[in-house]
Amino acid sequence: MTMWVFGYGSLLWNPGFDVARSEVALLPDYHRSFCMRSIHHRGTEEEPGLVLALDALPGARCNGLALAVAEGQEDRTLNYLRERELISSAYLEKRLDVRLHDGTAVQAVTYVIDPDHDQYCGGLELEEQAHIIARAVGGRGPNTEYLYNTASHLAGIGLNDPDLDWLARRVRALTA
């Protein structure tokens, strides 16, 4: 049976594992937002950045990619993803049903935000998000790079996200 992973942020452009196939997919009842303070990858404890997370919201829909893990790489991939995504326990690992572009439902390993975690910061205004992203830098580089790569990869697969597009324009203006 194929192991699927749902990508909605950096997994779109930097999965870090062997992807046998990728399909546009829809995850119901969650929305993508910069609702997690990044203290490792895109910021520091002194100056946190922001990264995307899936925030539960009944009736919401998040478009992303369902990534099929290469056969025989399931355990290795899961270990890699846990090391990468569960670094601070702000994400919860869940297996959620996503619907592929052709209507097929598959269960995918999905990382969603824990709204009770200290790093959760849902509800920040877009302008505040832009100012944080414009200046933060972490172990994996500038927060701006994370935003720009995610927005451009979403656009490249025809899944524009109006909030990310606005943030990319605003952050470019702030850093010009």
Protein backbone atom coordinates (compact mmCIF):
# COMPACT_ATOMS: atom_id res chain seq x y z
CA MET A 1 0.00 0.00 0.00
CA THR A 2 1.34 3.43 -0.96
CA MET A 3 2.38 5.78 1.82
CA TRP A 4 1.29 9.36 1.11
CA VAL A 5 2.50 12.61 2.69
CA PHE A 6 0.52 15.85 2.39
CA GLY A 7 2.70 18.83 1.48
CA TYR A 8 1.45 22.39 1.89
CA GLY A 9 4.61 24.40 2.72
CA SER A 10 8.29 23.52 2.39
CA LEU A 11 7.49 19.91 1.51
CA LEU A 12 6.27 21.29 -1.85
CA TRP A 13 9.75 22.43 -2.84
CA ASN A 14 12.02 20.51 -0.50
CA PRO A 15 10.47 17.15 0.38
CA GLY A 16 13.79 15.61 1.42
CA PHE A 17 12.69 12.08 0.52
CA ASP A 18 12.19 10.01 -2.62
CA VAL A 19 8.84 10.96 -4.14
CA ALA A 20 7.47 8.34 -6.53
CA ARG A 21 4.61 10.57 -7.66
CA SER A 22 2.89 13.80 -6.67
CA GLU A 23 -0.74 14.75 -7.12
CA VAL A 24 -2.61 17.96 -6.42
CA ALA A 25 -4.74 17.22 -3.37
CA LEU A 26 -7.31 18.83 -1.10
CA LEU A 27 -7.37 18.57 2.70
CA PRO A 28 -10.72 19.55 4.25
CA ASP A 29 -11.23 21.36 7.57
CA TYR A 30 -7.73 22.89 7.75
CA HIS A 31 -6.22 26.07 6.35
CA ARG A 32 -2.59 26.93 5.62
CA SER A 33 -1.34 29.91 7.60
CA PHE A 34 1.78 31.40 9.16
CA CYS A 35 0.60 30.41 12.63
CA MET A 36 3.78 28.83 14.01
CA ARG A 37 6.73 30.71 15.43
CA SER A 38 9.95 29.20 14.07
CA ILE A 39 12.76 29.07 16.62
CA HIS A 40 14.98 26.59 14.75
CA HIS A 41 14.67 26.54 10.95
CA ARG A 42 13.58 30.10 10.02
CA GLY A 43 14.20 32.06 13.19
CA THR A 44 15.75 31.83 16.64
CA GLU A 45 14.43 31.80 20.19
CA GLU A 46 15.55 35.44 20.48
CA GLU A 47 13.96 36.46 17.17
CA PRO A 48 11.44 33.87 16.00
CA GLY A 49 10.40 33.65 12.39
CA LEU A 50 7.13 32.26 11.08
CA VAL A 51 6.44 29.03 9.23
CA LEU A 52 3.31 27.63 7.74
CA ALA A 53 1.16 25.15 9.56
CA LEU A 54 -2.23 23.61 9.05
CA ASP A 55 -4.66 25.17 11.48
CA ALA A 56 -7.95 23.34 12.07
CA LEU A 57 -10.98 25.25 10.84
CA PRO A 58 -14.28 23.48 10.10
CA GLY A 59 -15.33 24.11 6.50
CA ALA A 60 -11.88 25.31 5.41
CA ARG A 61 -9.96 23.70 2.55
CA CYS A 62 -6.23 23.52 1.94
CA ASN A 63 -4.84 22.70 -1.49
CA GLY A 64 -1.42 21.11 -1.65
CA LEU A 65 0.34 18.04 -2.96
CA ALA A 66 -0.09 14.42 -1.98
CA LEU A 67 3.41 12.96 -2.25
CA ALA A 68 3.67 9.20 -2.77
CA VAL A 69 6.71 7.79 -0.99
CA ALA A 70 8.93 5.56 -3.11
CA GLU A 71 8.28 1.89 -2.43
CA GLY A 72 10.56 0.47 0.26
CA GLN A 73 11.37 3.97 1.62
CA GLU A 74 8.39 4.24 4.01
CA ASP A 75 10.22 3.72 7.34
CA ARG A 76 13.18 5.85 6.29
CA THR A 77 10.85 8.63 5.12
CA LEU A 78 8.78 8.58 8.30
CA ASN A 79 11.92 8.74 10.45
CA TYR A 80 13.24 11.64 8.36
CA LEU A 81 9.94 13.54 8.54
CA ARG A 82 9.67 13.06 12.30
CA GLU A 83 13.20 14.38 12.79
CA ARG A 84 12.45 17.37 10.54
CA GLU A 85 8.87 18.24 11.47
CA LEU A 86 8.66 17.27 15.14
CA ILE A 87 11.80 19.15 16.21
CA SER A 88 9.89 21.18 18.83
CA SER A 89 6.60 19.26 19.20
CA ALA A 90 4.59 22.19 17.81
CA TYR A 91 3.31 19.96 15.01
CA LEU A 92 1.15 16.93 15.54
CA GLU A 93 1.55 14.00 13.16
CA LYS A 94 -1.79 12.78 11.87
CA ARG A 95 -3.00 10.50 9.14
CA LEU A 96 -5.76 12.43 7.42
CA ASP A 97 -7.91 11.80 4.38
CA VAL A 98 -7.04 13.96 1.40
CA ARG A 99 -8.75 13.97 -1.98
CA LEU A 100 -6.58 13.72 -5.06
CA HIS A 101 -7.31 15.85 -8.13
CA ASP A 102 -9.07 12.89 -9.79
CA GLY A 103 -11.40 12.47 -6.78
CA THR A 104 -9.63 9.49 -5.21
CA ALA A 105 -9.41 9.64 -1.41
CA VAL A 106 -6.12 8.61 0.20
CA GLN A 107 -4.83 8.76 3.74
CA ALA A 108 -1.72 10.93 4.09
CA VAL A 109 0.78 11.61 6.85
CA THR A 110 0.08 15.24 7.66
CA TYR A 111 1.68 17.66 10.10
CA VAL A 112 -0.79 20.05 11.76
CA ILE A 113 -0.24 22.71 14.40
CA ASP A 114 -0.92 22.01 18.07
CA PRO A 115 -2.95 25.10 19.06
CA ASP A 116 -1.96 24.57 22.70
CA HIS A 117 1.79 24.74 21.97
CA ASP A 118 3.83 27.84 22.93
CA GLN A 119 4.88 28.36 19.29
CA TYR A 120 1.29 28.65 18.06
CA CYS A 121 0.44 32.21 17.01
CA GLY A 122 -2.74 31.95 14.95
CA GLY A 123 -4.61 35.13 14.08
CA LEU A 124 -1.64 37.46 13.45
CA GLU A 125 -2.51 40.22 10.97
CA LEU A 126 -0.83 39.86 7.58
CA GLU A 127 1.12 43.10 8.08
CA GLU A 128 2.60 41.80 11.34
CA GLN A 129 3.47 38.51 9.61
CA ALA A 130 5.25 40.43 6.83
CA HIS A 131 7.42 42.36 9.29
CA ILE A 132 8.42 39.18 11.16
CA ILE A 133 9.21 37.26 7.95
CA ALA A 134 11.20 40.18 6.50
CA ARG A 135 13.77 40.11 9.30
CA ALA A 136 13.94 36.53 10.66
CA VAL A 137 16.78 34.11 9.88
CA GLY A 138 17.25 30.59 11.26
CA GLY A 139 19.30 27.45 10.84
CA ARG A 140 17.89 26.75 7.37
CA GLY A 141 18.21 30.32 6.16
CA PRO A 142 16.15 33.48 5.81
CA ASN A 143 12.43 33.39 6.51
CA THR A 144 11.95 35.32 3.25
CA GLU A 145 13.34 32.36 1.26
CA TYR A 146 10.77 30.04 2.85
CA LEU A 147 7.92 32.41 1.95
CA TYR A 148 9.11 33.07 -1.62
CA ASN A 149 9.77 29.40 -2.40
CA THR A 150 6.41 28.29 -1.07
CA ALA A 151 4.43 31.01 -2.86
CA SER A 152 6.21 30.40 -6.17
CA HIS A 153 5.82 26.61 -6.00
CA LEU A 154 2.11 26.93 -5.21
CA ALA A 155 1.71 29.26 -8.19
CA GLY A 156 3.74 26.88 -10.35
CA ILE A 157 1.25 24.07 -9.77
CA GLY A 158 -1.73 26.37 -10.22
CA LEU A 159 -2.58 26.68 -6.53
CA ASN A 160 -2.18 30.37 -5.84
CA ASP A 161 -2.72 31.35 -2.22
CA PRO A 162 -3.88 34.99 -2.03
CA ASP A 163 -2.47 35.53 1.48
CA LEU A 164 0.94 34.14 0.52
CA ASP A 165 0.97 36.15 -2.70
CA TRP A 166 0.19 39.34 -0.71
CA LEU A 167 2.84 38.49 1.88
CA ALA A 168 5.48 37.86 -0.82
CA ARG A 169 4.78 41.26 -2.41
CA ARG A 170 4.77 43.05 0.96
CA VAL A 171 7.95 41.38 2.21
CA ARG A 172 9.74 42.24 -1.06
CA ALA A 173 8.71 45.88 -0.52
CA LEU A 174 9.91 45.82 3.10
CA THR A 175 13.30 44.33 2.18
CA ALA A 176 13.90 46.43 -0.96
